[in-house]
Amino acid sequence: MIRILVIDGQGGRIGKFIIEGIREAKLDAEIIAVGTNSLSTSAMLKAGADAGATGENSVVVCSKNCDVIIGPIGIVITDALLGEVTEKMAAAVGRSKAKKLLIPINQCDNFIVGVNDLSITSLIKDVISELKKI
């Protein structure tokens, strides 16, 4: 069984879609949801995460104990997601030995050059496709 950490902030919409996609694909996975706020954590738990937690320390601790980390690219950029990503969060994700599947969301003054502006649905399908390869 693969242990997947899904990290999201704001309303948890991206994390929710990721978790629903993993569940629909029937992957043998334990999904841990960590939100940068309680609203995002709640949305991901409702989507089917096995466990959830909120905040900086949860990101730091859970990043050490997973096989894959999935979330918007902002989870590795300090002050991203409208300031919800702290320096410690970004460093913990970046330093984790887990494989990282980062979704290229062009927001908050961060633009990923060369990446087409795809729909969230299309991006989530790509994430699930990559997970199946792991």
C-alpha atoms as a PDB file:
ATOM      1  CA  MET A   1       0.000   0.000   0.000  1.00  0.00           C
ATOM      2  CA  ILE A   2       1.286   3.419  -0.951  1.00  0.00           C
ATOM      3  CA  ARG A   3       1.057   6.287   1.530  1.00  0.00           C
ATOM      4  CA  ILE A   4      -0.040   9.530  -0.140  1.00  0.00           C
ATOM      5  CA  LEU A   5       0.056  12.963   1.458  1.00  0.00           C
ATOM      6  CA  VAL A   6      -2.248  15.512  -0.150  1.00  0.00           C
ATOM      7  CA  ILE A   7      -1.566  19.124   0.855  1.00  0.00           C
ATOM      8  CA  ASP A   8      -3.837  22.026  -0.020  1.00  0.00           C
ATOM      9  CA  GLY A   9      -4.912  25.408   1.271  1.00  0.00           C
ATOM     10  CA  GLN A  10      -7.614  28.024   0.869  1.00  0.00           C
ATOM     11  CA  GLY A  11     -10.872  26.047   0.337  1.00  0.00           C
ATOM     12  CA  GLY A  12      -9.234  22.685  -0.365  1.00  0.00           C
ATOM     13  CA  ARG A  13     -10.828  22.386  -3.808  1.00  0.00           C
ATOM     14  CA  ILE A  14      -7.752  20.984  -5.554  1.00  0.00           C
ATOM     15  CA  GLY A  15      -7.065  18.540  -2.715  1.00  0.00           C
ATOM     16  CA  LYS A  16     -10.689  17.429  -2.783  1.00  0.00           C
ATOM     17  CA  PHE A  17     -10.510  16.686  -6.519  1.00  0.00           C
ATOM     18  CA  ILE A  18      -7.212  14.824  -6.095  1.00  0.00           C
ATOM     19  CA  ILE A  19      -8.609  12.598  -3.350  1.00  0.00           C
ATOM     20  CA  GLU A  20     -11.800  11.897  -5.284  1.00  0.00           C
ATOM     21  CA  GLY A  21      -9.673  10.956  -8.306  1.00  0.00           C
ATOM     22  CA  ILE A  22      -7.524   8.580  -6.267  1.00  0.00           C
ATOM     23  CA  ARG A  23     -10.622   6.926  -4.800  1.00  0.00           C
ATOM     24  CA  GLU A  24     -12.286   6.609  -8.224  1.00  0.00           C
ATOM     25  CA  ALA A  25      -9.112   4.981  -9.597  1.00  0.00           C
ATOM     26  CA  LYS A  26      -9.312   2.426  -6.764  1.00  0.00           C
ATOM     27  CA  LEU A  27      -5.614   2.699  -5.994  1.00  0.00           C
ATOM     28  CA  ASP A  28      -4.312   0.756  -3.008  1.00  0.00           C
ATOM     29  CA  ALA A  29      -3.430   3.844  -1.026  1.00  0.00           C
ATOM     30  CA  GLU A  30      -3.654   5.408   2.383  1.00  0.00           C
ATOM     31  CA  ILE A  31      -4.456   9.081   1.909  1.00  0.00           C
ATOM     32  CA  ILE A  32      -3.440  11.649   4.514  1.00  0.00           C
ATOM     33  CA  ALA A  33      -4.878  15.125   3.963  1.00  0.00           C
ATOM     34  CA  VAL A  34      -3.124  18.144   5.429  1.00  0.00           C
ATOM     35  CA  GLY A  35      -4.675  21.536   4.990  1.00  0.00           C
ATOM     36  CA  THR A  36      -3.047  24.867   5.620  1.00  0.00           C
ATOM     37  CA  ASN A  37      -6.359  25.785   7.273  1.00  0.00           C
ATOM     38  CA  SER A  38      -9.304  23.865   8.749  1.00  0.00           C
ATOM     39  CA  LEU A  39     -11.606  24.551   5.787  1.00  0.00           C
ATOM     40  CA  SER A  40      -9.225  22.849   3.349  1.00  0.00           C
ATOM     41  CA  THR A  41      -8.681  19.909   5.710  1.00  0.00           C
ATOM     42  CA  SER A  42     -12.432  19.452   6.120  1.00  0.00           C
ATOM     43  CA  ALA A  43     -13.025  19.454   2.353  1.00  0.00           C
ATOM     44  CA  MET A  44     -10.354  16.802   1.827  1.00  0.00           C
ATOM     45  CA  LEU A  45     -11.693  14.600   4.629  1.00  0.00           C
ATOM     46  CA  LYS A  46     -15.184  14.787   3.131  1.00  0.00           C
ATOM     47  CA  ALA A  47     -13.689  13.713  -0.208  1.00  0.00           C
ATOM     48  CA  GLY A  48     -12.471  10.455   1.337  1.00  0.00           C
ATOM     49  CA  ALA A  49      -9.076  10.981   2.971  1.00  0.00           C
ATOM     50  CA  ASP A  50      -8.220   8.352   5.581  1.00  0.00           C
ATOM     51  CA  ALA A  51      -6.930  10.934   8.048  1.00  0.00           C
ATOM     52  CA  GLY A  52      -6.433  14.659   8.183  1.00  0.00           C
ATOM     53  CA  ALA A  53      -4.629  17.378  10.057  1.00  0.00           C
ATOM     54  CA  THR A  54      -4.163  21.112   9.807  1.00  0.00           C
ATOM     55  CA  GLY A  55      -1.274  23.526   9.911  1.00  0.00           C
ATOM     56  CA  GLU A  56       2.450  23.976   9.672  1.00  0.00           C
ATOM     57  CA  ASN A  57       3.579  21.251  12.067  1.00  0.00           C
ATOM     58  CA  SER A  58       1.317  18.699  10.399  1.00  0.00           C
ATOM     59  CA  VAL A  59       2.920  19.432   7.019  1.00  0.00           C
ATOM     60  CA  VAL A  60       6.390  19.099   8.554  1.00  0.00           C
ATOM     61  CA  VAL A  61       5.640  15.803  10.341  1.00  0.00           C
ATOM     62  CA  CYS A  62       3.604  14.144   7.587  1.00  0.00           C
ATOM     63  CA  SER A  63       6.111  15.062   4.863  1.00  0.00           C
ATOM     64  CA  LYS A  64       8.611  12.744   6.566  1.00  0.00           C
ATOM     65  CA  ASN A  65       6.350   9.695   6.555  1.00  0.00           C
ATOM     66  CA  CYS A  66       4.880   9.321   3.089  1.00  0.00           C
ATOM     67  CA  ASP A  67       5.734   7.855  -0.293  1.00  0.00           C
ATOM     68  CA  VAL A  68       4.132  10.548  -2.457  1.00  0.00           C
ATOM     69  CA  ILE A  69       3.223  14.190  -1.846  1.00  0.00           C
ATOM     70  CA  ILE A  70       0.579  15.777  -4.070  1.00  0.00           C
ATOM     71  CA  GLY A  71      -0.551  19.384  -4.159  1.00  0.00           C
ATOM     72  CA  PRO A  72      -0.431  22.668  -6.023  1.00  0.00           C
ATOM     73  CA  ILE A  73       3.075  23.913  -6.880  1.00  0.00           C
ATOM     74  CA  GLY A  74       2.651  26.554  -4.188  1.00  0.00           C
ATOM     75  CA  ILE A  75       3.321  23.994  -1.454  1.00  0.00           C
ATOM     76  CA  VAL A  76       7.035  24.374  -2.222  1.00  0.00           C
ATOM     77  CA  ILE A  77       6.976  28.188  -2.454  1.00  0.00           C
ATOM     78  CA  THR A  78       7.143  30.256   0.730  1.00  0.00           C
ATOM     79  CA  ASP A  79       4.185  32.651   1.093  1.00  0.00           C
ATOM     80  CA  ALA A  80       2.207  30.994  -1.717  1.00  0.00           C
ATOM     81  CA  LEU A  81      -1.526  30.275  -1.526  1.00  0.00           C
ATOM     82  CA  LEU A  82      -2.168  33.857  -0.413  1.00  0.00           C
ATOM     83  CA  GLY A  83       0.448  33.542   2.321  1.00  0.00           C
ATOM     84  CA  GLU A  84      -0.736  30.232   3.771  1.00  0.00           C
ATOM     85  CA  VAL A  85       2.489  28.363   2.961  1.00  0.00           C
ATOM     86  CA  THR A  86       5.153  29.106   5.532  1.00  0.00           C
ATOM     87  CA  GLU A  87       8.886  28.767   5.062  1.00  0.00           C
ATOM     88  CA  LYS A  88       8.894  25.619   7.229  1.00  0.00           C
ATOM     89  CA  MET A  89       6.114  24.038   5.151  1.00  0.00           C
ATOM     90  CA  ALA A  90       7.852  24.696   1.832  1.00  0.00           C
ATOM     91  CA  ALA A  91      11.162  23.415   3.191  1.00  0.00           C
ATOM     92  CA  ALA A  92       9.592  20.262   4.637  1.00  0.00           C
ATOM     93  CA  VAL A  93       7.954  19.354   1.338  1.00  0.00           C
ATOM     94  CA  GLY A  94      11.070  20.201  -0.652  1.00  0.00           C
ATOM     95  CA  ARG A  95      13.337  18.154   1.616  1.00  0.00           C
ATOM     96  CA  SER A  96      11.031  15.146   1.814  1.00  0.00           C
ATOM     97  CA  LYS A  97      12.303  11.968   0.179  1.00  0.00           C
ATOM     98  CA  ALA A  98       8.790  11.352  -1.126  1.00  0.00           C
ATOM     99  CA  LYS A  99       8.034  11.600  -4.830  1.00  0.00           C
ATOM    100  CA  LYS A 100       6.304  14.930  -5.435  1.00  0.00           C
ATOM    101  CA  LEU A 101       3.466  15.408  -7.908  1.00  0.00           C
ATOM    102  CA  LEU A 102       3.032  19.174  -8.115  1.00  0.00           C
ATOM    103  CA  ILE A 103       0.125  20.726  -9.963  1.00  0.00           C
ATOM    104  CA  PRO A 104       1.116  23.809 -11.986  1.00  0.00           C
ATOM    105  CA  ILE A 105      -1.350  26.411 -10.797  1.00  0.00           C
ATOM    106  CA  ASN A 106      -0.393  29.834 -12.149  1.00  0.00           C
ATOM    107  CA  GLN A 107      -1.523  32.102  -9.306  1.00  0.00           C
ATOM    108  CA  CYS A 108      -0.166  34.328  -6.554  1.00  0.00           C
ATOM    109  CA  ASP A 109       2.507  35.901  -8.779  1.00  0.00           C
ATOM    110  CA  ASN A 110       3.990  32.485  -9.614  1.00  0.00           C
ATOM    111  CA  PHE A 111       3.834  31.534 -13.269  1.00  0.00           C
ATOM    112  CA  ILE A 112       5.258  28.282 -14.561  1.00  0.00           C
ATOM    113  CA  VAL A 113       6.636  29.076 -18.004  1.00  0.00           C
ATOM    114  CA  GLY A 114       5.953  26.530 -20.714  1.00  0.00           C
ATOM    115  CA  VAL A 115       2.937  25.029 -18.976  1.00  0.00           C
ATOM    116  CA  ASN A 116      -0.352  25.394 -20.788  1.00  0.00           C
ATOM    117  CA  ASP A 117      -3.282  26.752 -18.839  1.00  0.00           C
ATOM    118  CA  LEU A 118      -5.086  23.420 -18.452  1.00  0.00           C
ATOM    119  CA  SER A 119      -8.295  22.811 -16.522  1.00  0.00           C
ATOM    120  CA  ILE A 120      -8.149  21.404 -13.004  1.00  0.00           C
ATOM    121  CA  THR A 121      -9.937  18.293 -14.282  1.00  0.00           C
ATOM    122  CA  SER A 122      -7.233  17.681 -16.880  1.00  0.00           C
ATOM    123  CA  LEU A 123      -4.461  18.261 -14.346  1.00  0.00           C
ATOM    124  CA  ILE A 124      -6.034  15.845 -11.848  1.00  0.00           C
ATOM    125  CA  LYS A 125      -6.257  13.173 -14.567  1.00  0.00           C
ATOM    126  CA  ASP A 126      -2.528  13.649 -15.151  1.00  0.00           C
ATOM    127  CA  VAL A 127      -1.848  13.253 -11.417  1.00  0.00           C
ATOM    128  CA  ILE A 128      -3.818   9.990 -11.281  1.00  0.00           C
ATOM    129  CA  SER A 129      -2.010   8.728 -14.381  1.00  0.00           C
ATOM    130  CA  GLU A 130       1.371   9.422 -12.723  1.00  0.00           C
ATOM    131  CA  LEU A 131       0.245   7.744  -9.489  1.00  0.00           C
ATOM    132  CA  LYS A 132      -0.642   4.589 -11.395  1.00  0.00           C
ATOM    133  CA  LYS A 133       2.945   4.468 -12.710  1.00  0.00           C
ATOM    134  CA  ILE A 134       4.410   4.569  -9.194  1.00  0.00           C
END
